Amino acid sequence: MFIKMLNHHYGPHCGEFGVSYAIKCGNDDVIAMTLDMSGDKYATLSYKINEVDYGNAFEEINIEESYSMAIRTWNPTDIQLLS
């Protein structure tokens, strides 16, 4: 999943339990979110910002559950879904 930030906002910057993760995002930054469900028991969720990989933000995600991607923003025109 690729998201382009159109106006200055923060990107994914908290991982598990509010631990600092990645960097703050600005205008025209591209965020790639990857949910890797290839494990036998658990999945991982990771992000890239402008092609820089920040590793796993979340681990041990139960693969038996179903999930939906969500984006939180103050203004829906602040983001553009790229793919």
PDB file of N, CA and C in Angstrom:
ATOM      1  N   MET A   1       0.846  -1.166   0.000  1.00  0.00           N
ATOM      2  CA  MET A   1       0.000   0.000   0.000  1.00  0.00           C
ATOM      3  C   MET A   1       0.893   1.230   0.000  1.00  0.00           C
ATOM      4  N   PHE A   2       0.692   2.132  -0.923  1.00  0.00           N
ATOM      5  CA  PHE A   2       1.463   3.358  -0.995  1.00  0.00           C
ATOM      6  C   PHE A   2       0.546   4.557  -0.800  1.00  0.00           C
ATOM      7  N   ILE A   3       0.970   5.477   0.050  1.00  0.00           N
ATOM      8  CA  ILE A   3       0.198   6.667   0.365  1.00  0.00           C
ATOM      9  C   ILE A   3       1.105   7.873   0.165  1.00  0.00           C
ATOM     10  N   LYS A   4       0.617   8.907  -0.481  1.00  0.00           N
ATOM     11  CA  LYS A   4       1.394  10.133  -0.652  1.00  0.00           C
ATOM     12  C   LYS A   4       0.797  11.223   0.231  1.00  0.00           C
ATOM     13  N   MET A   5       1.648  11.840   1.054  1.00  0.00           N
ATOM     14  CA  MET A   5       1.214  12.926   1.920  1.00  0.00           C
ATOM     15  C   MET A   5       1.164  14.201   1.095  1.00  0.00           C
ATOM     16  N   LEU A   6      -0.009  14.824   0.988  1.00  0.00           N
ATOM     17  CA  LEU A   6      -0.151  16.022   0.183  1.00  0.00           C
ATOM     18  C   LEU A   6       0.039  17.300   0.994  1.00  0.00           C
ATOM     19  N   ASN A   7      -0.255  17.256   2.256  1.00  0.00           N
ATOM     20  CA  ASN A   7      -0.051  18.394   3.151  1.00  0.00           C
ATOM     21  C   ASN A   7       0.730  17.918   4.356  1.00  0.00           C
ATOM     22  N   HIS A   8       1.391  18.822   5.043  1.00  0.00           N
ATOM     23  CA  HIS A   8       2.263  18.447   6.157  1.00  0.00           C
ATOM     24  C   HIS A   8       1.480  17.806   7.302  1.00  0.00           C
ATOM     25  N   HIS A   9       1.782  16.560   7.572  1.00  0.00           N
ATOM     26  CA  HIS A   9       1.205  15.814   8.694  1.00  0.00           C
ATOM     27  C   HIS A   9       2.250  14.824   9.177  1.00  0.00           C
ATOM     28  N   TYR A  10       1.967  14.202  10.279  1.00  0.00           N
ATOM     29  CA  TYR A  10       2.862  13.174  10.798  1.00  0.00           C
ATOM     30  C   TYR A  10       2.540  11.844  10.158  1.00  0.00           C
ATOM     31  N   GLY A  11       3.577  11.037   9.954  1.00  0.00           N
ATOM     32  CA  GLY A  11       3.401   9.699   9.420  1.00  0.00           C
ATOM     33  C   GLY A  11       3.400   8.701  10.550  1.00  0.00           C
ATOM     34  N   PRO A  12       3.675   7.462  10.242  1.00  0.00           N
ATOM     35  CA  PRO A  12       3.671   6.431  11.280  1.00  0.00           C
ATOM     36  C   PRO A  12       4.838   6.679  12.221  1.00  0.00           C
ATOM     37  N   HIS A  13       4.568   7.165  13.402  1.00  0.00           N
ATOM     38  CA  HIS A  13       5.719   7.389  14.245  1.00  0.00           C
ATOM     39  C   HIS A  13       5.600   6.814  15.629  1.00  0.00           C
ATOM     40  N   CYS A  14       4.630   5.948  15.790  1.00  0.00           N
ATOM     41  CA  CYS A  14       4.551   5.179  17.037  1.00  0.00           C
ATOM     42  C   CYS A  14       4.357   3.714  16.694  1.00  0.00           C
ATOM     43  N   GLY A  15       5.173   2.880  17.270  1.00  0.00           N
ATOM     44  CA  GLY A  15       5.022   1.443  17.104  1.00  0.00           C
ATOM     45  C   GLY A  15       4.295   0.886  18.307  1.00  0.00           C
ATOM     46  N   GLU A  16       4.637  -0.313  18.673  1.00  0.00           N
ATOM     47  CA  GLU A  16       3.967  -0.959  19.790  1.00  0.00           C
ATOM     48  C   GLU A  16       4.139  -0.166  21.081  1.00  0.00           C
ATOM     49  N   PHE A  17       3.051   0.006  21.788  1.00  0.00           N
ATOM     50  CA  PHE A  17       3.035   0.623  23.115  1.00  0.00           C
ATOM     51  C   PHE A  17       3.587   2.041  23.116  1.00  0.00           C
ATOM     52  N   GLY A  18       3.423   2.776  22.000  1.00  0.00           N
ATOM     53  CA  GLY A  18       3.834   4.169  21.953  1.00  0.00           C
ATOM     54  C   GLY A  18       5.337   4.394  21.856  1.00  0.00           C
ATOM     55  N   VAL A  19       6.102   3.356  21.533  1.00  0.00           N
ATOM     56  CA  VAL A  19       7.550   3.495  21.371  1.00  0.00           C
ATOM     57  C   VAL A  19       7.814   4.285  20.091  1.00  0.00           C
ATOM     58  N   SER A  20       8.752   5.200  20.140  1.00  0.00           N
ATOM     59  CA  SER A  20       9.071   6.018  18.976  1.00  0.00           C
ATOM     60  C   SER A  20       9.458   5.133  17.791  1.00  0.00           C
ATOM     61  N   TYR A  21       8.946   5.478  16.605  1.00  0.00           N
ATOM     62  CA  TYR A  21       9.163   4.669  15.413  1.00  0.00           C
ATOM     63  C   TYR A  21       9.210   5.580  14.188  1.00  0.00           C
ATOM     64  N   ALA A  22      10.165   5.403  13.338  1.00  0.00           N
ATOM     65  CA  ALA A  22      10.299   6.113  12.057  1.00  0.00           C
ATOM     66  C   ALA A  22      10.519   7.609  12.259  1.00  0.00           C
ATOM     67  N   ILE A  23      10.039   8.389  11.311  1.00  0.00           N
ATOM     68  CA  ILE A  23      10.242   9.843  11.332  1.00  0.00           C
ATOM     69  C   ILE A  23       8.902  10.532  11.085  1.00  0.00           C
ATOM     70  N   LYS A  24       8.864  11.833  11.322  1.00  0.00           N
ATOM     71  CA  LYS A  24       7.686  12.618  10.965  1.00  0.00           C
ATOM     72  C   LYS A  24       7.689  12.826   9.461  1.00  0.00           C
ATOM     73  N   CYS A  25       6.514  12.834   8.876  1.00  0.00           N
ATOM     74  CA  CYS A  25       6.399  12.991   7.428  1.00  0.00           C
ATOM     75  C   CYS A  25       5.963  14.397   7.073  1.00  0.00           C
ATOM     76  N   GLY A  26       6.330  14.819   5.868  1.00  0.00           N
ATOM     77  CA  GLY A  26       5.978  16.138   5.372  1.00  0.00           C
ATOM     78  C   GLY A  26       5.358  16.067   3.995  1.00  0.00           C
ATOM     79  N   ASN A  27       5.233  17.203   3.369  1.00  0.00           N
ATOM     80  CA  ASN A  27       4.628  17.290   2.045  1.00  0.00           C
ATOM     81  C   ASN A  27       5.335  16.383   1.047  1.00  0.00           C
ATOM     82  N   ASP A  28       4.549  15.709   0.245  1.00  0.00           N
ATOM     83  CA  ASP A  28       5.007  14.847  -0.858  1.00  0.00           C
ATOM     84  C   ASP A  28       5.785  13.611  -0.411  1.00  0.00           C
ATOM     85  N   ASP A  29       5.803  13.308   0.880  1.00  0.00           N
ATOM     86  CA  ASP A  29       6.415  12.060   1.333  1.00  0.00           C
ATOM     87  C   ASP A  29       5.539  10.885   0.899  1.00  0.00           C
ATOM     88  N   VAL A  30       6.183   9.774   0.557  1.00  0.00           N
ATOM     89  CA  VAL A  30       5.464   8.566   0.170  1.00  0.00           C
ATOM     90  C   VAL A  30       5.692   7.516   1.247  1.00  0.00           C
ATOM     91  N   ILE A  31       4.587   6.971   1.767  1.00  0.00           N
ATOM     92  CA  ILE A  31       4.632   5.970   2.825  1.00  0.00           C
ATOM     93  C   ILE A  31       4.165   4.644   2.241  1.00  0.00           C
ATOM     94  N   ALA A  32       4.975   3.607   2.398  1.00  0.00           N
ATOM     95  CA  ALA A  32       4.595   2.257   1.996  1.00  0.00           C
ATOM     96  C   ALA A  32       4.337   1.451   3.264  1.00  0.00           C
ATOM     97  N   MET A  33       3.157   0.845   3.346  1.00  0.00           N
ATOM     98  CA  MET A  33       2.802   0.019   4.493  1.00  0.00           C
ATOM     99  C   MET A  33       2.721  -1.430   4.023  1.00  0.00           C
ATOM    100  N   THR A  34       3.413  -2.325   4.729  1.00  0.00           N
ATOM    101  CA  THR A  34       3.434  -3.731   4.341  1.00  0.00           C
ATOM    102  C   THR A  34       2.969  -4.603   5.498  1.00  0.00           C
ATOM    103  N   LEU A  35       1.927  -5.378   5.255  1.00  0.00           N
ATOM    104  CA  LEU A  35       1.472  -6.387   6.204  1.00  0.00           C
ATOM    105  C   LEU A  35       1.945  -7.735   5.668  1.00  0.00           C
ATOM    106  N   ASP A  36       2.926  -8.323   6.323  1.00  0.00           N
ATOM    107  CA  ASP A  36       3.509  -9.599   5.899  1.00  0.00           C
ATOM    108  C   ASP A  36       2.862 -10.723   6.697  1.00  0.00           C
ATOM    109  N   MET A  37       2.003 -11.485   6.024  1.00  0.00           N
ATOM    110  CA  MET A  37       1.287 -12.577   6.681  1.00  0.00           C
ATOM    111  C   MET A  37       1.836 -13.938   6.253  1.00  0.00           C
ATOM    112  N   SER A  38       3.120 -13.990   5.882  1.00  0.00           N
ATOM    113  CA  SER A  38       3.717 -15.234   5.393  1.00  0.00           C
ATOM    114  C   SER A  38       4.185 -16.160   6.513  1.00  0.00           C
ATOM    115  N   GLY A  39       4.159 -15.696   7.754  1.00  0.00           N
ATOM    116  CA  GLY A  39       4.580 -16.543   8.869  1.00  0.00           C
ATOM    117  C   GLY A  39       3.576 -17.644   9.159  1.00  0.00           C
ATOM    118  N   ASP A  40       4.018 -18.664   9.891  1.00  0.00           N
ATOM    119  CA  ASP A  40       3.137 -19.774  10.235  1.00  0.00           C
ATOM    120  C   ASP A  40       2.051 -19.372  11.222  1.00  0.00           C
ATOM    121  N   LYS A  41       2.384 -18.478  12.125  1.00  0.00           N
ATOM    122  CA  LYS A  41       1.473 -18.133  13.209  1.00  0.00           C
ATOM    123  C   LYS A  41       1.214 -16.629  13.311  1.00  0.00           C
ATOM    124  N   TYR A  42       2.244 -15.815  13.013  1.00  0.00           N
ATOM    125  CA  TYR A  42       2.145 -14.372  13.207  1.00  0.00           C
ATOM    126  C   TYR A  42       2.522 -13.589  11.952  1.00  0.00           C
ATOM    127  N   ALA A  43       1.962 -12.388  11.846  1.00  0.00           N
ATOM    128  CA  ALA A  43       2.291 -11.447  10.775  1.00  0.00           C
ATOM    129  C   ALA A  43       3.071 -10.277  11.366  1.00  0.00           C
ATOM    130  N   THR A  44       3.661  -9.471  10.491  1.00  0.00           N
ATOM    131  CA  THR A  44       4.337  -8.246  10.914  1.00  0.00           C
ATOM    132  C   THR A  44       3.816  -7.092  10.068  1.00  0.00           C
ATOM    133  N   LEU A  45       3.872  -5.895  10.614  1.00  0.00           N
ATOM    134  CA  LEU A  45       3.484  -4.678   9.907  1.00  0.00           C
ATOM    135  C   LEU A  45       4.683  -3.741   9.911  1.00  0.00           C
ATOM    136  N   SER A  46       5.080  -3.290   8.719  1.00  0.00           N
ATOM    137  CA  SER A  46       6.237  -2.405   8.612  1.00  0.00           C
ATOM    138  C   SER A  46       5.940  -1.267   7.648  1.00  0.00           C
ATOM    139  N   TYR A  47       6.805  -0.248   7.698  1.00  0.00           N
ATOM    140  CA  TYR A  47       6.637   0.937   6.861  1.00  0.00           C
ATOM    141  C   TYR A  47       7.952   1.320   6.206  1.00  0.00           C
ATOM    142  N   LYS A  48       7.830   1.905   5.026  1.00  0.00           N
ATOM    143  CA  LYS A  48       8.926   2.605   4.369  1.00  0.00           C
ATOM    144  C   LYS A  48       8.443   4.027   4.146  1.00  0.00           C
ATOM    145  N   ILE A  49       9.325   4.986   4.353  1.00  0.00           N
ATOM    146  CA  ILE A  49       9.015   6.376   4.059  1.00  0.00           C
ATOM    147  C   ILE A  49      10.051   6.850   3.054  1.00  0.00           C
ATOM    148  N   ASN A  50       9.589   7.225   1.876  1.00  0.00           N
ATOM    149  CA  ASN A  50      10.480   7.628   0.784  1.00  0.00           C
ATOM    150  C   ASN A  50      11.562   6.583   0.528  1.00  0.00           C
ATOM    151  N   GLU A  51      11.134   5.324   0.473  1.00  0.00           N
ATOM    152  CA  GLU A  51      12.009   4.178   0.180  1.00  0.00           C
ATOM    153  C   GLU A  51      12.959   3.802   1.316  1.00  0.00           C
ATOM    154  N   VAL A  52      12.912   4.477   2.451  1.00  0.00           N
ATOM    155  CA  VAL A  52      13.743   4.113   3.601  1.00  0.00           C
ATOM    156  C   VAL A  52      12.932   3.161   4.476  1.00  0.00           C
ATOM    157  N   ASP A  53      13.441   1.955   4.676  1.00  0.00           N
ATOM    158  CA  ASP A  53      12.758   0.924   5.454  1.00  0.00           C
ATOM    159  C   ASP A  53      13.005   1.135   6.944  1.00  0.00           C
ATOM    160  N   TYR A  54      11.943   1.243   7.715  1.00  0.00           N
ATOM    161  CA  TYR A  54      12.064   1.448   9.156  1.00  0.00           C
ATOM    162  C   TYR A  54      11.812   0.171   9.948  1.00  0.00           C
ATOM    163  N   GLY A  55      11.772  -0.960   9.262  1.00  0.00           N
ATOM    164  CA  GLY A  55      11.607  -2.240   9.943  1.00  0.00           C
ATOM    165  C   GLY A  55      10.196  -2.432  10.470  1.00  0.00           C
ATOM    166  N   ASN A  56      10.051  -3.432  11.317  1.00  0.00           N
ATOM    167  CA  ASN A  56       8.731  -3.781  11.837  1.00  0.00           C
ATOM    168  C   ASN A  56       8.252  -2.785  12.882  1.00  0.00           C
ATOM    169  N   ALA A  57       7.052  -2.292  12.674  1.00  0.00           N
ATOM    170  CA  ALA A  57       6.405  -1.449  13.676  1.00  0.00           C
ATOM    171  C   ALA A  57       5.629  -2.322  14.659  1.00  0.00           C
ATOM    172  N   PHE A  58       5.077  -3.417  14.140  1.00  0.00           N
ATOM    173  CA  PHE A  58       4.312  -4.361  14.961  1.00  0.00           C
ATOM    174  C   PHE A  58       4.681  -5.774  14.564  1.00  0.00           C
ATOM    175  N   GLU A  59       4.810  -6.634  15.564  1.00  0.00           N
ATOM    176  CA  GLU A  59       5.117  -8.044  15.342  1.00  0.00           C
ATOM    177  C   GLU A  59       4.087  -8.884  16.091  1.00  0.00           C
ATOM    178  N   GLU A  60       4.111 -10.158  15.833  1.00  0.00           N
ATOM    179  CA  GLU A  60       3.201 -11.105  16.490  1.00  0.00           C
ATOM    180  C   GLU A  60       1.738 -10.717  16.302  1.00  0.00           C
ATOM    181  N   ILE A  61       1.394 -10.341  15.062  1.00  0.00           N
ATOM    182  CA  ILE A  61       0.011 -10.063  14.698  1.00  0.00           C
ATOM    183  C   ILE A  61      -0.631 -11.395  14.326  1.00  0.00           C
ATOM    184  N   ASN A  62      -1.710 -11.735  14.968  1.00  0.00           N
ATOM    185  CA  ASN A  62      -2.380 -13.023  14.766  1.00  0.00           C
ATOM    186  C   ASN A  62      -2.885 -13.146  13.330  1.00  0.00           C
ATOM    187  N   ILE A  63      -2.397 -14.150  12.584  1.00  0.00           N
ATOM    188  CA  ILE A  63      -2.810 -14.310  11.190  1.00  0.00           C
ATOM    189  C   ILE A  63      -4.184 -14.964  11.055  1.00  0.00           C
ATOM    190  N   GLU A  64      -4.749 -15.435  12.156  1.00  0.00           N
ATOM    191  CA  GLU A  64      -6.083 -16.036  12.113  1.00  0.00           C
ATOM    192  C   GLU A  64      -7.183 -14.968  12.096  1.00  0.00           C
ATOM    193  N   GLU A  65      -6.835 -13.723  12.358  1.00  0.00           N
ATOM    194  CA  GLU A  65      -7.796 -12.617  12.386  1.00  0.00           C
ATOM    195  C   GLU A  65      -7.863 -11.954  11.013  1.00  0.00           C
ATOM    196  N   SER A  66      -8.900 -11.152  10.788  1.00  0.00           N
ATOM    197  CA  SER A  66      -8.967 -10.351   9.564  1.00  0.00           C
ATOM    198  C   SER A  66      -8.740  -8.882   9.939  1.00  0.00           C
ATOM    199  N   TYR A  67      -8.175  -8.114   9.008  1.00  0.00           N
ATOM    200  CA  TYR A  67      -7.784  -6.743   9.286  1.00  0.00           C
ATOM    201  C   TYR A  67      -8.211  -5.822   8.149  1.00  0.00           C
ATOM    202  N   SER A  68      -8.404  -4.569   8.463  1.00  0.00           N
ATOM    203  CA  SER A  68      -8.692  -3.528   7.471  1.00  0.00           C
ATOM    204  C   SER A  68      -7.702  -2.391   7.673  1.00  0.00           C
ATOM    205  N   MET A  69      -7.215  -1.850   6.560  1.00  0.00           N
ATOM    206  CA  MET A  69      -6.305  -0.713   6.657  1.00  0.00           C
ATOM    207  C   MET A  69      -7.114   0.536   6.973  1.00  0.00           C
ATOM    208  N   ALA A  70      -6.551   1.384   7.813  1.00  0.00           N
ATOM    209  CA  ALA A  70      -7.197   2.652   8.128  1.00  0.00           C
ATOM    210  C   ALA A  70      -6.159   3.767   8.100  1.00  0.00           C
ATOM    211  N   ILE A  71      -6.597   4.935   7.686  1.00  0.00           N
ATOM    212  CA  ILE A  71      -5.745   6.117   7.665  1.00  0.00           C
ATOM    213  C   ILE A  71      -6.485   7.209   8.425  1.00  0.00           C
ATOM    214  N   ARG A  72      -5.790   7.842   9.342  1.00  0.00           N
ATOM    215  CA  ARG A  72      -6.403   8.930  10.101  1.00  0.00           C
ATOM    216  C   ARG A  72      -5.795  10.252   9.647  1.00  0.00           C
ATOM    217  N   THR A  73      -6.657  11.175   9.298  1.00  0.00           N
ATOM    218  CA  THR A  73      -6.218  12.497   8.890  1.00  0.00           C
ATOM    219  C   THR A  73      -7.315  13.497   9.224  1.00  0.00           C
ATOM    220  N   TRP A  74      -6.941  14.735   9.405  1.00  0.00           N
ATOM    221  CA  TRP A  74      -7.929  15.779   9.685  1.00  0.00           C
ATOM    222  C   TRP A  74      -8.683  16.160   8.428  1.00  0.00           C
ATOM    223  N   ASN A  75      -8.041  16.070   7.293  1.00  0.00           N
ATOM    224  CA  ASN A  75      -8.640  16.491   6.036  1.00  0.00           C
ATOM    225  C   ASN A  75      -8.437  15.380   5.013  1.00  0.00           C
ATOM    226  N   PRO A  76      -9.515  14.783   4.482  1.00  0.00           N
ATOM    227  CA  PRO A  76      -9.357  13.664   3.546  1.00  0.00           C
ATOM    228  C   PRO A  76      -8.601  14.017   2.265  1.00  0.00           C
ATOM    229  N   THR A  77      -8.452  15.288   1.949  1.00  0.00           N
ATOM    230  CA  THR A  77      -7.695  15.664   0.752  1.00  0.00           C
ATOM    231  C   THR A  77      -6.196  15.737   1.025  1.00  0.00           C
ATOM    232  N   ASP A  78      -5.782  15.429   2.263  1.00  0.00           N
ATOM    233  CA  ASP A  78      -4.374  15.478   2.639  1.00  0.00           C
ATOM    234  C   ASP A  78      -3.570  14.283   2.152  1.00  0.00           C
ATOM    235  N   ILE A  79      -4.235  13.236   1.695  1.00  0.00           N
ATOM    236  CA  ILE A  79      -3.531  12.029   1.255  1.00  0.00           C
ATOM    237  C   ILE A  79      -4.010  11.620  -0.131  1.00  0.00           C
ATOM    238  N   GLN A  80      -3.172  10.855  -0.787  1.00  0.00           N
ATOM    239  CA  GLN A  80      -3.518  10.297  -2.080  1.00  0.00           C
ATOM    240  C   GLN A  80      -3.109   8.837  -2.060  1.00  0.00           C
ATOM    241  N   LEU A  81      -4.053   7.928  -2.322  1.00  0.00           N
ATOM    242  CA  LEU A  81      -3.769   6.505  -2.380  1.00  0.00           C
ATOM    243  C   LEU A  81      -3.128   6.209  -3.736  1.00  0.00           C
ATOM    244  N   LEU A  82      -1.895   5.683  -3.708  1.00  0.00           N
ATOM    245  CA  LEU A  82      -1.155   5.445  -4.959  1.00  0.00           C
ATOM    246  C   LEU A  82      -1.343   4.040  -5.486  1.00  0.00           C
ATOM    247  N   SER A  83      -1.433   3.044  -4.623  1.00  0.00           N
ATOM    248  CA  SER A  83      -1.690   1.669  -5.072  1.00  0.00           C
ATOM    249  C   SER A  83      -2.018   0.797  -3.883  1.00  0.00           C
TER     250      SER A  83
END
